[in-house]
N, C-alpha and C. Protein backbone atom coordinates (compact mmCIF):
# COMPACT_ATOMS: atom_id res chain seq x y z
N UNK A 1 122.34 72.88 135.57
CA UNK A 1 122.69 73.21 134.50
C UNK A 1 120.81 72.41 133.89
N UNK A 2 120.81 72.05 134.33
CA UNK A 2 119.59 71.35 133.46
C UNK A 2 118.18 72.12 133.28
N UNK A 3 118.30 73.07 134.41
CA UNK A 3 116.82 74.14 135.33
C UNK A 3 117.95 75.08 133.26
N UNK A 4 118.89 75.01 133.07
CA UNK A 4 118.41 76.55 132.19
C UNK A 4 118.53 75.80 130.91
N UNK A 5 118.63 75.19 130.76
CA UNK A 5 118.67 73.87 129.09
C UNK A 5 116.41 74.13 129.12
N UNK A 6 116.29 73.85 130.46
CA UNK A 6 115.35 74.04 129.93
C UNK A 6 114.21 75.39 129.89
N UNK A 7 114.36 76.41 130.28
CA UNK A 7 114.21 77.77 130.66
C UNK A 7 115.06 77.91 128.49
N UNK A 8 116.00 77.81 128.54
CA UNK A 8 115.76 78.34 127.40
C UNK A 8 115.46 77.72 126.37
N UNK A 9 115.03 76.44 126.34
CA UNK A 9 113.78 75.67 125.69
C UNK A 9 112.05 76.61 125.62
N UNK A 10 111.97 76.49 126.84
CA UNK A 10 110.81 77.53 126.76
C UNK A 10 110.74 78.87 126.53
N UNK A 11 112.26 79.87 126.41
CA UNK A 11 112.17 81.01 125.85
C UNK A 11 112.47 80.58 124.42
N UNK A 12 113.23 79.22 123.61
CA UNK A 12 112.29 79.44 122.01
C UNK A 12 111.50 78.97 121.80
N UNK A 13 110.36 78.35 123.34
CA UNK A 13 109.54 77.77 122.59
C UNK A 13 108.54 78.49 122.46
N UNK A 14 108.13 80.17 123.41
CA UNK A 14 107.32 80.95 123.79
C UNK A 14 107.41 82.18 122.38
N UNK A 15 109.09 82.71 121.89
CA UNK A 15 109.35 83.29 121.22
C UNK A 15 108.53 82.80 120.17
N UNK A 16 109.09 81.76 119.47
CA UNK A 16 108.59 80.83 118.16
C UNK A 16 107.39 81.19 117.74
N UNK A 17 106.20 80.58 119.42
CA UNK A 17 105.04 81.00 118.98
C UNK A 17 104.13 82.74 118.46
N UNK A 18 105.17 83.32 118.92
CA UNK A 18 105.40 84.80 119.47
C UNK A 18 105.37 85.19 118.51
N UNK A 19 106.49 84.64 117.28
CA UNK A 19 106.72 84.83 115.40
C UNK A 19 105.85 84.51 114.73
N UNK A 20 105.27 83.34 115.45
CA UNK A 20 103.71 82.84 114.48
C UNK A 20 102.58 83.83 114.70
N UNK A 21 102.24 84.13 115.26
CA UNK A 21 100.99 84.90 115.34
C UNK A 21 100.78 86.88 115.73
N UNK A 22 102.35 86.94 115.39
CA UNK A 22 102.53 88.08 115.47
C UNK A 22 101.64 88.87 114.05
N UNK A 23 101.02 90.53 114.37
CA UNK A 23 99.84 91.03 113.94
C UNK A 23 100.46 91.66 112.93
N UNK A 24 100.47 91.95 111.80
CA UNK A 24 100.39 92.58 109.88
C UNK A 24 100.29 93.76 110.80
N UNK A 25 100.47 95.16 111.04
CA UNK A 25 100.41 96.02 111.72
C UNK A 25 101.53 96.50 112.02
N UNK A 26 102.73 95.89 112.98
CA UNK A 26 103.58 96.71 112.87
C UNK A 26 104.46 96.37 111.06
N UNK A 27 104.44 95.75 111.03
CA UNK A 27 104.48 94.70 109.47
C UNK A 27 104.05 96.40 108.31
N UNK A 28 102.60 96.40 108.45
CA UNK A 28 102.09 98.04 107.78
C UNK A 28 102.85 99.70 107.97
N UNK A 29 102.78 99.63 109.22
CA UNK A 29 103.23 100.64 109.36
C UNK A 29 104.97 101.05 109.50
N UNK A 30 105.76 99.89 108.32
CA UNK A 30 107.20 99.46 107.72
C UNK A 30 107.44 100.31 106.37
N UNK A 31 105.81 99.42 105.71
CA UNK A 31 106.13 99.62 104.37
C UNK A 31 105.73 101.66 104.44
N UNK A 32 106.69 102.58 102.51
CA UNK A 32 106.71 103.76 102.21
C UNK A 32 104.82 103.90 101.21
N UNK A 33 104.97 104.69 101.16
CA UNK A 33 103.49 105.41 100.63
C UNK A 33 103.13 104.19 100.32
N UNK A 34 103.96 104.07 99.05
CA UNK A 34 103.48 103.66 97.92
C UNK A 34 103.36 102.07 97.98
N UNK A 35 103.95 101.62 98.58
CA UNK A 35 104.21 99.56 99.06
C UNK A 35 102.68 100.01 99.57
N UNK A 36 101.83 100.68 100.97
CA UNK A 36 100.84 100.84 101.75
C UNK A 36 99.68 101.08 100.62
N UNK A 37 99.52 101.56 99.58
CA UNK A 37 98.76 101.60 98.52
C UNK A 37 98.55 100.62 97.84
N UNK A 38 99.54 100.38 97.73
CA UNK A 38 99.32 98.61 96.81
C UNK A 38 98.70 97.73 97.88
N UNK A 39 99.25 97.72 98.52
CA UNK A 39 99.00 96.01 99.38
C UNK A 39 97.08 97.05 100.13
N UNK A 40 96.80 98.32 100.10
CA UNK A 40 95.17 98.12 100.18
C UNK A 40 94.83 98.10 99.43
N UNK A 41 95.14 98.45 97.89
CA UNK A 41 94.32 97.92 96.43
C UNK A 41 93.89 96.35 96.74
N UNK A 42 95.31 95.64 97.39
CA UNK A 42 95.12 94.56 97.19
C UNK A 42 94.11 94.19 97.69
N UNK A 43 93.85 94.46 99.27
CA UNK A 43 92.97 94.58 100.19
C UNK A 43 91.45 94.15 99.76
N UNK A 44 91.21 95.54 99.09
CA UNK A 44 90.09 95.67 98.83
C UNK A 44 89.84 95.66 97.14
N UNK A 45 91.36 94.81 96.53
CA UNK A 45 90.01 94.44 95.08
C UNK A 45 91.08 93.01 95.15
N UNK A 46 91.13 92.06 95.24
CA UNK A 46 91.99 90.90 95.07
C UNK A 46 90.63 89.85 94.68
N UNK A 47 91.41 88.84 94.15
CA UNK A 47 92.45 88.44 93.15
C UNK A 47 93.03 89.63 92.22
N UNK A 48 94.14 89.94 92.39
CA UNK A 48 94.73 90.70 91.08
C UNK A 48 96.59 90.84 90.83
N UNK A 49 96.33 91.88 89.69
CA UNK A 49 98.05 92.23 89.58
C UNK A 49 98.39 93.04 88.88
N UNK A 50 99.46 93.85 88.86
CA UNK A 50 100.73 95.01 88.92
C UNK A 50 99.43 95.69 88.08
N UNK A 51 98.86 95.69 87.39
CA UNK A 51 98.45 96.40 86.10
C UNK A 51 96.34 96.77 86.11
N UNK A 52 96.20 95.95 87.50
CA UNK A 52 94.71 96.04 87.45
C UNK A 52 95.15 97.03 88.97
N UNK A 53 96.36 97.01 88.96
CA UNK A 53 96.97 97.95 90.56
C UNK A 53 96.63 99.60 90.08
N UNK A 54 97.79 98.94 88.93
CA UNK A 54 98.28 100.12 88.24
C UNK A 54 97.11 101.23 88.28
N UNK A 55 95.84 100.47 87.43
CA UNK A 55 94.38 101.12 86.74
C UNK A 55 94.02 101.70 87.95
N UNK A 56 94.04 100.98 88.96
CA UNK A 56 93.26 101.72 90.00
C UNK A 56 93.53 102.39 91.42
N UNK A 57 94.99 103.07 90.48
CA UNK A 57 96.31 104.11 91.17
C UNK A 57 96.10 105.44 90.50
N UNK A 58 94.54 104.76 89.47
CA UNK A 58 94.94 105.93 88.15
C UNK A 58 96.44 106.62 87.27
N UNK A 59 96.77 105.67 86.75
CA UNK A 59 98.14 106.03 86.54
C UNK A 59 97.27 104.77 84.54
N UNK A 60 98.52 105.65 84.09
CA UNK A 60 97.84 105.71 82.70
C UNK A 60 98.36 104.10 81.83
N UNK A 61 97.29 103.37 80.90
CA UNK A 61 98.48 102.30 81.25
C UNK A 61 97.39 102.02 79.59
N UNK A 62 96.70 102.99 78.73
CA UNK A 62 96.35 102.74 77.07
C UNK A 62 97.33 101.83 76.63
N UNK A 63 98.28 102.06 76.80
CA UNK A 63 99.42 101.70 75.44
C UNK A 63 100.07 100.63 76.46
N UNK A 64 100.55 99.95 75.33
CA UNK A 64 101.72 99.27 76.26
C UNK A 64 102.66 99.57 76.21
N UNK A 65 103.05 100.14 76.14
CA UNK A 65 104.53 101.05 76.75
C UNK A 65 104.47 101.51 78.45
N UNK A 66 103.29 102.44 78.42
CA UNK A 66 102.69 102.17 79.60
C UNK A 66 102.34 101.25 80.50
N UNK A 67 101.98 100.06 79.77
CA UNK A 67 101.66 98.30 80.48
C UNK A 67 102.89 97.99 80.98
N UNK A 68 103.87 98.37 80.30
CA UNK A 68 104.59 97.12 80.71
C UNK A 68 105.86 97.28 81.95
N UNK A 69 105.78 99.57 82.70
CA UNK A 69 106.01 100.25 82.65
C UNK A 69 105.19 100.03 84.42
N UNK A 70 104.21 99.98 83.87
CA UNK A 70 103.51 99.50 85.69
C UNK A 70 103.00 98.58 85.95
N UNK A 71 103.42 97.36 84.85
CA UNK A 71 103.64 95.85 85.35
C UNK A 71 105.13 95.79 86.31
N UNK A 72 105.81 96.22 85.51
CA UNK A 72 107.41 96.62 85.37
C UNK A 72 107.42 96.89 87.26
N UNK A 73 106.81 98.52 87.53
CA UNK A 73 107.00 98.91 88.88
C UNK A 73 106.50 98.50 89.75
N UNK A 74 105.26 97.42 89.71
CA UNK A 74 104.24 96.96 90.35
C UNK A 74 104.37 95.58 90.96
N UNK A 75 104.84 95.14 90.14
CA UNK A 75 105.26 93.69 90.30
C UNK A 75 106.64 94.32 91.27
N UNK A 76 106.81 94.52 90.94
CA UNK A 76 108.36 95.27 92.11
C UNK A 76 107.53 95.40 94.09
N UNK A 77 106.74 95.76 93.69
CA UNK A 77 106.12 96.37 95.19
C UNK A 77 105.68 95.32 95.41
N UNK A 78 105.30 94.46 94.54
CA UNK A 78 103.96 93.43 94.84
C UNK A 78 105.13 91.94 95.31
N UNK A 79 105.80 91.99 94.80
CA UNK A 79 107.06 90.82 95.87
C UNK A 79 107.72 91.85 96.85
N UNK A 80 107.58 93.15 96.65
CA UNK A 80 108.51 93.25 98.81
C UNK A 80 107.38 92.64 99.17
N UNK A 81 106.46 93.72 99.32
CA UNK A 81 104.91 92.44 100.08
C UNK A 81 104.83 90.90 99.97
N UNK A 82 105.52 89.99 99.05
CA UNK A 82 105.17 89.28 99.09
C UNK A 82 105.92 88.70 100.08
N UNK A 83 107.42 88.87 100.64
CA UNK A 83 108.35 88.99 100.95
C UNK A 83 108.36 89.37 102.64
N UNK A 84 107.80 90.28 102.14
CA UNK A 84 107.12 90.66 104.24
C UNK A 84 105.83 89.39 105.08
N UNK A 85 105.27 88.90 103.65
CA UNK A 85 104.24 87.55 104.60
C UNK A 85 103.12 89.15 104.69
N UNK A 86 102.51 90.06 103.80
CA UNK A 86 101.73 90.59 103.48
C UNK A 86 100.52 89.71 102.26
N UNK A 87 100.90 89.22 101.55
CA UNK A 87 100.25 88.53 100.42
C UNK A 87 100.88 87.77 99.67
N UNK A 88 100.10 86.96 98.90
CA UNK A 88 100.29 85.59 98.61
C UNK A 88 100.29 85.81 96.97
N UNK A 89 101.18 85.14 96.73
CA UNK A 89 101.28 85.68 95.19
C UNK A 89 101.42 83.94 94.21
N UNK A 90 101.17 84.17 92.96
CA UNK A 90 100.69 82.76 92.60
C UNK A 90 101.12 83.04 90.85
N UNK A 91 102.45 82.79 89.85
CA UNK A 91 102.39 83.37 88.85
C UNK A 91 101.67 82.63 87.71
N UNK A 92 100.58 83.33 86.95
CA UNK A 92 100.33 82.30 85.37
C UNK A 92 100.74 83.24 84.04
N UNK A 93 101.29 82.61 83.47
CA UNK A 93 102.73 82.31 82.03
C UNK A 93 103.45 84.02 82.80
N UNK A 94 103.24 85.02 82.47
CA UNK A 94 104.05 86.09 82.87
C UNK A 94 103.09 86.95 84.18
N UNK A 95 102.01 87.04 83.83
CA UNK A 95 101.56 87.46 85.04
C UNK A 95 101.66 87.13 86.74
N UNK A 96 101.63 88.23 87.54
CA UNK A 96 101.62 88.04 88.92
C UNK A 96 100.38 87.99 89.82
N UNK A 97 99.29 87.35 89.78
CA UNK A 97 98.55 86.88 91.04
C UNK A 97 98.80 86.92 92.03
N UNK A 98 97.69 87.71 92.05
CA UNK A 98 98.19 88.25 93.90
C UNK A 98 97.20 88.87 95.49
N UNK A 99 97.30 88.77 96.23
CA UNK A 99 95.95 87.89 97.32
C UNK A 99 96.28 88.51 98.74
N UNK A 100 95.71 89.09 99.66
CA UNK A 100 95.61 88.96 100.55
C UNK A 100 96.00 87.90 101.37
N UNK A 101 97.17 87.88 102.32
CA UNK A 101 97.69 86.44 102.93
C UNK A 101 96.34 85.83 104.49
N UNK A 102 96.00 87.49 104.34
CA UNK A 102 95.45 86.30 105.36
C UNK A 102 93.58 86.34 104.75
N UNK A 103 92.85 86.17 103.58
CA UNK A 103 92.39 84.77 102.53
C UNK A 103 92.76 83.94 103.21
N UNK A 104 93.94 83.55 102.74
CA UNK A 104 94.90 82.78 101.94
C UNK A 104 94.01 81.71 103.88
N UNK A 105 94.18 82.48 105.16
CA UNK A 105 94.92 82.48 106.57
C UNK A 105 93.22 81.89 106.30
N UNK A 106 91.67 82.46 106.08
CA UNK A 106 90.25 82.31 106.10
C UNK A 106 90.09 80.59 105.27
N UNK A 107 90.75 80.90 103.87
CA UNK A 107 90.97 79.45 103.27
C UNK A 107 91.53 77.93 103.85
N UNK A 108 92.77 78.71 104.46
CA UNK A 108 92.81 77.25 105.31
C UNK A 108 91.55 76.68 105.98
N UNK A 109 91.37 77.77 107.05
CA UNK A 109 90.09 77.59 107.91
C UNK A 109 89.24 76.56 108.01
N UNK A 110 88.59 77.54 106.42
CA UNK A 110 87.55 76.77 106.10
C UNK A 110 87.76 75.90 105.56
N UNK A 111 88.73 74.96 105.19
CA UNK A 111 88.94 74.14 104.98
C UNK A 111 89.14 72.34 105.71
N UNK A 112 89.88 73.12 107.51
CA UNK A 112 89.70 72.12 108.38
C UNK A 112 88.39 72.15 108.76
N UNK A 113 87.25 73.26 108.83
CA UNK A 113 85.40 73.27 108.70
C UNK A 113 84.97 72.74 108.06
N UNK A 114 85.86 72.54 106.88
CA UNK A 114 84.97 71.16 105.59
C UNK A 114 85.32 69.97 106.24
N UNK A 115 86.02 70.29 106.82
CA UNK A 115 86.42 68.15 107.55
C UNK A 115 85.97 67.66 108.00
N UNK A 116 85.09 69.07 108.85
CA UNK A 116 84.40 68.46 110.48
C UNK A 116 83.19 68.68 110.50
N UNK A 117 82.63 69.29 109.00
CA UNK A 117 81.81 69.08 108.87
C UNK A 117 80.35 67.62 109.23
N UNK A 118 80.97 67.00 108.55
CA UNK A 118 79.90 65.75 108.71
C UNK A 118 79.61 65.16 109.93
N UNK A 119 80.57 65.91 111.33
CA UNK A 119 80.37 65.61 113.03
C UNK A 119 79.42 66.47 112.87
N UNK A 120 79.89 67.59 112.86
CA UNK A 120 78.82 68.68 113.43
C UNK A 120 78.09 68.78 113.11
N UNK A 121 77.24 68.40 111.51
CA UNK A 121 76.41 67.86 111.08
C UNK A 121 75.22 67.28 111.70
N UNK A 122 76.02 66.04 111.99
CA UNK A 122 75.27 64.69 112.92
C UNK A 122 75.34 65.11 113.58
N UNK A 123 75.71 65.44 115.29
CA UNK A 123 75.35 66.48 116.24
C UNK A 123 74.24 67.39 117.07
N UNK A 124 73.59 68.06 115.13
CA UNK A 124 73.17 69.01 115.63
C UNK A 124 71.70 68.57 114.86
N UNK A 125 71.53 67.54 114.15
CA UNK A 125 71.05 66.66 114.05
C UNK A 125 70.22 65.70 115.20
N UNK A 126 71.21 65.07 115.42
CA UNK A 126 71.56 64.36 116.93
C UNK A 126 70.43 65.61 117.60
N UNK A 127 70.53 66.82 118.18
CA UNK A 127 70.79 67.33 119.27
C UNK A 127 69.74 67.96 119.07
N UNK A 128 68.83 67.99 117.86
CA UNK A 128 66.87 68.35 117.14
C UNK A 128 66.81 67.48 117.65
N UNK A 129 67.08 66.20 117.11
CA UNK A 129 65.77 64.92 117.58
C UNK A 129 65.83 64.82 118.92
N UNK A 130 66.95 65.10 119.93
CA UNK A 130 66.59 64.53 120.95
C UNK A 130 65.95 65.64 121.05
N UNK A 131 66.32 66.96 120.83
CA UNK A 131 65.12 68.02 121.88
C UNK A 131 63.51 68.38 121.19
N UNK A 132 63.20 67.60 120.25
CA UNK A 132 62.06 67.07 120.00
C UNK A 132 61.70 68.46 118.20
N UNK A 133 62.79 69.13 118.32
CA UNK A 133 62.98 70.64 117.14
C UNK A 133 62.08 69.32 115.84
N UNK A 134 62.68 68.58 115.80
CA UNK A 134 62.83 67.79 114.29
C UNK A 134 62.09 65.94 114.31
N UNK A 135 60.74 66.33 114.26
CA UNK A 135 60.95 64.47 113.62
C UNK A 135 60.86 64.24 112.95
N UNK A 136 61.45 62.49 113.42
CA UNK A 136 62.06 61.77 112.76
C UNK A 136 61.02 61.09 112.17
């Protein structure tokens, strides 16, 4: 019996990792045409808002009523993309601001590297001093 439970643990661990590292491509393929256009606009011009997306997709946003309709329409699609974990959002007043999740991942990597920077810099300088590249 212990072998089965350990096998079960390995399967749970493996599938947990697979879920965390899945590609966004399958999610993109499941999107409707409008969702794809909205997502590609967010990828191209971020951070952005629903009104900016409507404008980029050649919707009329010259009048206040048209802006309200466009905002409602595209906010709906943006929230769907947030639910699918393709984009990240932040509310500023009544405005939903969005950017790609990939950017958030890059920001995390940058923060990690920034924390490690002093160690890397000192290692590079030490190496350069030993190699005679820099004269002390």
